[in-house]
Each structure stands twice: as structure tokens, then as C-alpha cells.
């Protein structure tokens, strides 16, 4: 991965308590998995940042290498990779996502 792309992704992950790399935007998600992930995150009321991987092919490829995860969307909380839509959904269903978000915003 080009250093520039890696550094851009790294800064987004480290500078935001919750960072979502998705297809599209929160107002116009471009895939069902991104839409579902947005719905889950919004349901908690905590702020989060997003990056539209469709707007930057370098980030679209780079985020997969950065996290070593093949699919998008990807969620990072407190600089740590949490997972994609399926894992975020499971954490949400088990009641484990809210404590992660709460901890991120207590710091």
C-alpha cells in the first residue's frame, strides 16, 4: 500500500473515536451492508465519522490491507478494528456494542 494512503487511513482511524469506512454516505448508502451498519451506529446516538470508499479507489483497496479484512463496511472504535456489518450486527444483538461505544466516549 502506498504510504500516503496508509497514512491517510491511519489518521482517520486514530483521530476519530468511531470511524466507518463504507460505500456511499450516511445520507445515501450505496449498499445494504453499509446502510445496516449506519442504522446500528445511529441507533446509539454517538457521533461517528465516515469515509466513502467509492470516492477514493486508493482508500477502497487500502482499507482492506490496513485492517486485513476483505469486505466493506469496516468499523473502528478507539483506533481498533471491530469488524464489518456482520460482526457489528452480532455485537449489537448481544448488547456488546453499546459498552464499546460508551467506553470510547468516556476518554
N, C-alpha and C. Protein backbone atom coordinates (compact mmCIF):
# COMPACT_ATOMS: atom_id res chain seq x y z
N UNK A 1 0.85 -1.17 0.00
CA UNK A 1 0.00 0.00 0.00
C UNK A 1 0.89 1.23 0.00
N UNK A 2 0.50 2.21 -0.76
CA UNK A 2 1.26 3.45 -0.80
C UNK A 2 1.25 4.09 0.59
N UNK A 3 2.39 4.63 0.98
CA UNK A 3 2.50 5.25 2.30
C UNK A 3 1.46 6.36 2.49
N UNK A 4 1.21 7.11 1.45
CA UNK A 4 0.25 8.23 1.55
C UNK A 4 -1.15 7.73 1.91
N UNK A 5 -1.60 6.68 1.25
CA UNK A 5 -2.92 6.11 1.52
C UNK A 5 -2.95 5.51 2.93
N UNK A 6 -1.91 4.74 3.27
CA UNK A 6 -1.83 4.14 4.61
C UNK A 6 -1.90 5.23 5.68
N UNK A 7 -1.15 6.30 5.51
CA UNK A 7 -1.13 7.39 6.49
C UNK A 7 -2.48 8.08 6.59
N UNK A 8 -3.14 8.25 5.45
CA UNK A 8 -4.46 8.88 5.44
C UNK A 8 -5.46 8.03 6.24
N UNK A 9 -5.47 6.74 5.98
CA UNK A 9 -6.37 5.82 6.70
C UNK A 9 -6.01 5.80 8.18
N UNK A 10 -4.74 5.70 8.49
CA UNK A 10 -4.28 5.65 9.87
C UNK A 10 -4.71 6.88 10.65
N UNK A 11 -4.60 8.05 10.03
CA UNK A 11 -5.01 9.28 10.70
C UNK A 11 -6.52 9.32 10.94
N UNK A 12 -7.29 8.86 9.96
CA UNK A 12 -8.74 8.82 10.13
C UNK A 12 -9.13 7.89 11.28
N UNK A 13 -8.49 6.73 11.34
CA UNK A 13 -8.79 5.76 12.39
C UNK A 13 -8.38 6.30 13.76
N UNK A 14 -7.21 6.91 13.85
CA UNK A 14 -6.70 7.37 15.14
C UNK A 14 -7.33 8.67 15.62
N UNK A 15 -7.80 9.50 14.69
CA UNK A 15 -8.34 10.81 15.07
C UNK A 15 -9.84 10.83 15.30
N UNK A 16 -10.50 9.70 15.15
CA UNK A 16 -11.94 9.62 15.35
C UNK A 16 -12.26 8.47 16.30
N UNK A 17 -13.08 8.74 17.29
CA UNK A 17 -13.43 7.69 18.25
C UNK A 17 -14.15 6.54 17.56
N UNK A 18 -14.99 6.87 16.60
CA UNK A 18 -15.68 5.85 15.81
C UNK A 18 -15.52 6.23 14.34
N UNK A 19 -14.95 5.33 13.56
CA UNK A 19 -14.70 5.58 12.15
C UNK A 19 -15.30 4.43 11.34
N UNK A 20 -16.10 4.81 10.36
CA UNK A 20 -16.76 3.83 9.49
C UNK A 20 -16.31 4.05 8.05
N UNK A 21 -15.69 3.06 7.47
CA UNK A 21 -15.36 3.07 6.04
C UNK A 21 -16.51 2.33 5.36
N UNK A 22 -17.20 3.02 4.47
CA UNK A 22 -18.43 2.49 3.89
C UNK A 22 -18.52 2.81 2.41
N UNK A 23 -19.52 2.21 1.77
CA UNK A 23 -19.83 2.53 0.37
C UNK A 23 -20.96 3.54 0.40
N UNK A 24 -20.64 4.76 -0.06
CA UNK A 24 -21.61 5.84 -0.05
C UNK A 24 -21.45 6.71 1.18
N UNK A 25 -22.54 7.39 1.52
CA UNK A 25 -22.55 8.30 2.67
C UNK A 25 -23.69 7.90 3.60
N UNK A 26 -23.69 8.42 4.83
CA UNK A 26 -24.81 8.10 5.72
C UNK A 26 -26.17 8.49 5.13
N UNK A 27 -26.20 9.57 4.37
CA UNK A 27 -27.44 10.03 3.76
C UNK A 27 -27.81 9.21 2.52
N UNK A 28 -26.81 8.61 1.90
CA UNK A 28 -27.05 7.83 0.67
C UNK A 28 -26.11 6.63 0.61
N UNK A 29 -26.35 5.63 1.47
CA UNK A 29 -25.50 4.44 1.41
C UNK A 29 -25.68 3.71 0.08
N UNK A 30 -24.59 3.16 -0.43
CA UNK A 30 -24.61 2.54 -1.74
C UNK A 30 -24.61 1.01 -1.69
N UNK A 31 -24.81 0.45 -0.50
CA UNK A 31 -25.00 -1.00 -0.38
C UNK A 31 -25.78 -1.28 0.90
N UNK A 32 -26.45 -2.39 0.92
CA UNK A 32 -27.27 -2.75 2.06
C UNK A 32 -26.48 -2.94 3.34
N UNK A 33 -25.27 -3.47 3.23
CA UNK A 33 -24.44 -3.69 4.41
C UNK A 33 -24.02 -2.36 5.04
N UNK A 34 -23.67 -1.39 4.19
CA UNK A 34 -23.33 -0.06 4.71
C UNK A 34 -24.56 0.59 5.35
N UNK A 35 -25.71 0.44 4.70
CA UNK A 35 -26.95 1.02 5.24
C UNK A 35 -27.27 0.42 6.61
N UNK A 36 -27.14 -0.89 6.74
CA UNK A 36 -27.45 -1.54 8.01
C UNK A 36 -26.48 -1.10 9.12
N UNK A 37 -25.21 -0.97 8.77
CA UNK A 37 -24.21 -0.55 9.74
C UNK A 37 -24.50 0.87 10.21
N UNK A 38 -24.88 1.75 9.29
CA UNK A 38 -25.25 3.13 9.64
C UNK A 38 -26.43 3.11 10.60
N UNK A 39 -27.45 2.32 10.29
CA UNK A 39 -28.64 2.24 11.16
C UNK A 39 -28.26 1.83 12.58
N UNK A 40 -27.41 0.83 12.69
CA UNK A 40 -26.99 0.36 14.01
C UNK A 40 -26.24 1.46 14.75
N UNK A 41 -25.24 2.07 14.11
CA UNK A 41 -24.46 3.11 14.78
C UNK A 41 -25.32 4.30 15.17
N UNK A 42 -26.21 4.72 14.29
CA UNK A 42 -27.06 5.87 14.58
C UNK A 42 -28.02 5.59 15.73
N UNK A 43 -28.39 4.34 15.93
CA UNK A 43 -29.34 4.00 16.98
C UNK A 43 -28.80 4.30 18.38
N UNK A 44 -27.49 4.41 18.53
CA UNK A 44 -26.89 4.68 19.83
C UNK A 44 -26.72 6.17 20.12
N UNK A 45 -26.76 7.00 19.08
CA UNK A 45 -26.67 8.44 19.28
C UNK A 45 -25.27 9.00 19.46
N UNK A 46 -24.26 8.17 19.37
CA UNK A 46 -22.89 8.66 19.48
C UNK A 46 -22.44 9.17 18.11
N UNK A 47 -21.63 10.24 18.09
CA UNK A 47 -21.12 10.72 16.80
C UNK A 47 -20.11 9.74 16.21
N UNK A 48 -20.07 9.72 14.90
CA UNK A 48 -19.07 8.90 14.21
C UNK A 48 -18.75 9.55 12.88
N UNK A 49 -17.58 9.25 12.39
CA UNK A 49 -17.14 9.77 11.10
C UNK A 49 -17.21 8.65 10.07
N UNK A 50 -17.36 9.05 8.81
CA UNK A 50 -17.40 8.07 7.73
C UNK A 50 -16.44 8.47 6.62
N UNK A 51 -16.05 7.49 5.86
CA UNK A 51 -15.27 7.70 4.64
C UNK A 51 -15.93 6.87 3.55
N UNK A 52 -16.23 7.52 2.44
CA UNK A 52 -16.84 6.85 1.29
C UNK A 52 -15.74 6.23 0.44
N UNK A 53 -15.61 4.91 0.50
CA UNK A 53 -14.54 4.24 -0.24
C UNK A 53 -14.78 4.29 -1.75
N UNK A 54 -16.01 4.54 -2.17
CA UNK A 54 -16.29 4.63 -3.61
C UNK A 54 -15.73 5.93 -4.20
N UNK A 55 -15.51 6.91 -3.34
CA UNK A 55 -14.99 8.20 -3.80
C UNK A 55 -13.48 8.19 -3.98
N UNK A 56 -12.81 7.17 -3.42
CA UNK A 56 -11.35 7.11 -3.50
C UNK A 56 -10.91 5.65 -3.64
N UNK A 57 -10.61 5.21 -4.87
CA UNK A 57 -10.20 3.83 -5.09
C UNK A 57 -8.97 3.41 -4.27
N UNK A 58 -8.10 4.35 -3.99
CA UNK A 58 -6.93 4.04 -3.18
C UNK A 58 -7.32 3.64 -1.77
N UNK A 59 -8.27 4.36 -1.20
CA UNK A 59 -8.76 4.04 0.14
C UNK A 59 -9.56 2.73 0.10
N UNK A 60 -10.31 2.54 -0.96
CA UNK A 60 -11.12 1.31 -1.08
C UNK A 60 -10.22 0.07 -1.03
N UNK A 61 -9.11 0.11 -1.73
CA UNK A 61 -8.17 -1.01 -1.69
C UNK A 61 -7.32 -0.99 -0.42
N UNK A 62 -6.91 0.21 -0.02
CA UNK A 62 -6.01 0.36 1.11
C UNK A 62 -6.61 -0.06 2.44
N UNK A 63 -7.90 0.20 2.65
CA UNK A 63 -8.52 -0.14 3.93
C UNK A 63 -8.54 -1.65 4.12
N UNK A 64 -8.67 -2.39 3.05
CA UNK A 64 -8.68 -3.86 3.15
C UNK A 64 -7.32 -4.38 3.60
N UNK A 65 -6.27 -3.75 3.14
CA UNK A 65 -4.93 -4.13 3.57
C UNK A 65 -4.64 -3.63 4.98
N UNK A 66 -5.10 -2.43 5.27
CA UNK A 66 -4.85 -1.83 6.58
C UNK A 66 -5.42 -2.71 7.70
N UNK A 67 -6.64 -3.20 7.50
CA UNK A 67 -7.32 -3.99 8.53
C UNK A 67 -7.13 -5.50 8.35
N UNK A 68 -6.65 -5.88 7.19
CA UNK A 68 -6.56 -7.30 6.83
C UNK A 68 -7.95 -7.94 6.84
N UNK A 69 -8.92 -7.19 6.33
CA UNK A 69 -10.32 -7.63 6.27
C UNK A 69 -10.80 -7.39 4.85
N UNK A 70 -11.40 -8.37 4.18
CA UNK A 70 -11.67 -8.26 2.75
C UNK A 70 -12.91 -7.48 2.34
N UNK A 71 -13.80 -7.17 3.29
CA UNK A 71 -15.06 -6.56 2.89
C UNK A 71 -15.26 -5.17 3.49
N UNK A 72 -16.20 -4.47 2.91
CA UNK A 72 -16.59 -3.13 3.36
C UNK A 72 -18.09 -3.19 3.58
N UNK A 73 -18.60 -2.64 4.65
CA UNK A 73 -18.04 -1.61 5.54
C UNK A 73 -17.10 -2.19 6.59
N UNK A 74 -16.34 -1.25 7.19
CA UNK A 74 -15.43 -1.59 8.27
C UNK A 74 -15.57 -0.54 9.37
N UNK A 75 -15.69 -1.00 10.60
CA UNK A 75 -15.86 -0.12 11.75
C UNK A 75 -14.63 -0.20 12.65
N UNK A 76 -14.16 0.97 13.06
CA UNK A 76 -13.07 1.09 14.02
C UNK A 76 -13.58 1.89 15.21
N UNK A 77 -13.30 1.41 16.41
CA UNK A 77 -13.67 2.12 17.63
C UNK A 77 -12.40 2.28 18.46
N UNK A 78 -12.12 3.52 18.85
CA UNK A 78 -10.91 3.82 19.63
C UNK A 78 -9.65 3.33 18.94
N UNK A 79 -9.61 3.46 17.62
CA UNK A 79 -8.42 3.08 16.87
C UNK A 79 -8.27 1.60 16.61
N UNK A 80 -9.23 0.80 17.05
CA UNK A 80 -9.14 -0.64 16.88
C UNK A 80 -10.21 -1.14 15.92
N UNK A 81 -9.81 -2.05 15.06
CA UNK A 81 -10.75 -2.64 14.11
C UNK A 81 -11.74 -3.52 14.85
N UNK A 82 -13.03 -3.25 14.63
CA UNK A 82 -14.10 -4.03 15.26
C UNK A 82 -14.59 -5.11 14.31
N UNK A 83 -14.84 -4.73 13.05
CA UNK A 83 -15.31 -5.69 12.07
C UNK A 83 -16.19 -5.04 11.04
N UNK A 84 -16.84 -5.90 10.27
CA UNK A 84 -17.75 -5.45 9.24
C UNK A 84 -19.18 -5.50 9.72
N UNK A 85 -20.10 -5.43 8.79
CA UNK A 85 -21.52 -5.39 9.10
C UNK A 85 -21.96 -6.58 9.95
N UNK A 86 -21.53 -7.77 9.58
CA UNK A 86 -21.97 -8.97 10.30
C UNK A 86 -21.52 -8.97 11.76
N UNK A 87 -20.29 -8.57 12.01
CA UNK A 87 -19.78 -8.55 13.38
C UNK A 87 -20.43 -7.42 14.17
N UNK A 88 -20.58 -6.25 13.56
CA UNK A 88 -21.25 -5.13 14.24
C UNK A 88 -22.68 -5.52 14.58
N UNK A 89 -23.35 -6.21 13.67
CA UNK A 89 -24.72 -6.67 13.92
C UNK A 89 -24.76 -7.64 15.10
N UNK A 90 -23.83 -8.60 15.13
CA UNK A 90 -23.78 -9.56 16.23
C UNK A 90 -23.50 -8.87 17.57
N UNK A 91 -22.55 -7.95 17.58
CA UNK A 91 -22.24 -7.21 18.81
C UNK A 91 -23.46 -6.43 19.29
N UNK A 92 -24.16 -5.83 18.36
CA UNK A 92 -25.38 -5.07 18.66
C UNK A 92 -26.44 -5.99 19.26
N UNK A 93 -26.67 -7.13 18.63
CA UNK A 93 -27.70 -8.07 19.09
C UNK A 93 -27.37 -8.63 20.48
N UNK A 94 -26.10 -8.82 20.77
CA UNK A 94 -25.68 -9.38 22.06
C UNK A 94 -25.53 -8.31 23.14
N UNK A 95 -25.75 -7.04 22.78
CA UNK A 95 -25.61 -5.96 23.76
C UNK A 95 -24.18 -5.60 24.07
N UNK A 96 -23.26 -5.97 23.20
CA UNK A 96 -21.84 -5.71 23.44
C UNK A 96 -21.31 -4.47 22.73
N UNK A 97 -22.06 -3.94 21.79
CA UNK A 97 -21.58 -2.77 21.04
C UNK A 97 -21.70 -1.49 21.86
N UNK A 98 -22.83 -1.31 22.55
CA UNK A 98 -23.02 -0.08 23.31
C UNK A 98 -21.92 0.15 24.35
N UNK A 99 -21.52 -0.87 25.13
CA UNK A 99 -20.42 -0.64 26.08
C UNK A 99 -19.11 -0.22 25.39
N UNK A 100 -18.86 -0.75 24.21
CA UNK A 100 -17.66 -0.36 23.47
C UNK A 100 -17.73 1.11 23.09
N UNK A 101 -18.90 1.55 22.62
CA UNK A 101 -19.07 2.94 22.24
C UNK A 101 -18.99 3.84 23.46
N UNK A 102 -19.64 3.45 24.54
CA UNK A 102 -19.63 4.24 25.76
C UNK A 102 -18.21 4.43 26.26
N UNK A 103 -17.42 3.37 26.26
CA UNK A 103 -16.03 3.45 26.70
C UNK A 103 -15.23 4.40 25.83
N UNK A 104 -15.48 4.38 24.53
CA UNK A 104 -14.76 5.25 23.60
C UNK A 104 -15.00 6.73 23.92
N UNK A 105 -16.20 7.05 24.37
CA UNK A 105 -16.53 8.45 24.61
C UNK A 105 -16.32 8.88 26.04
N UNK A 106 -15.92 7.97 26.92
CA UNK A 106 -15.60 8.34 28.30
C UNK A 106 -14.19 8.88 28.40
N UNK A 107 -13.36 8.62 27.42
CA UNK A 107 -11.96 9.03 27.48
C UNK A 107 -11.80 10.46 27.03
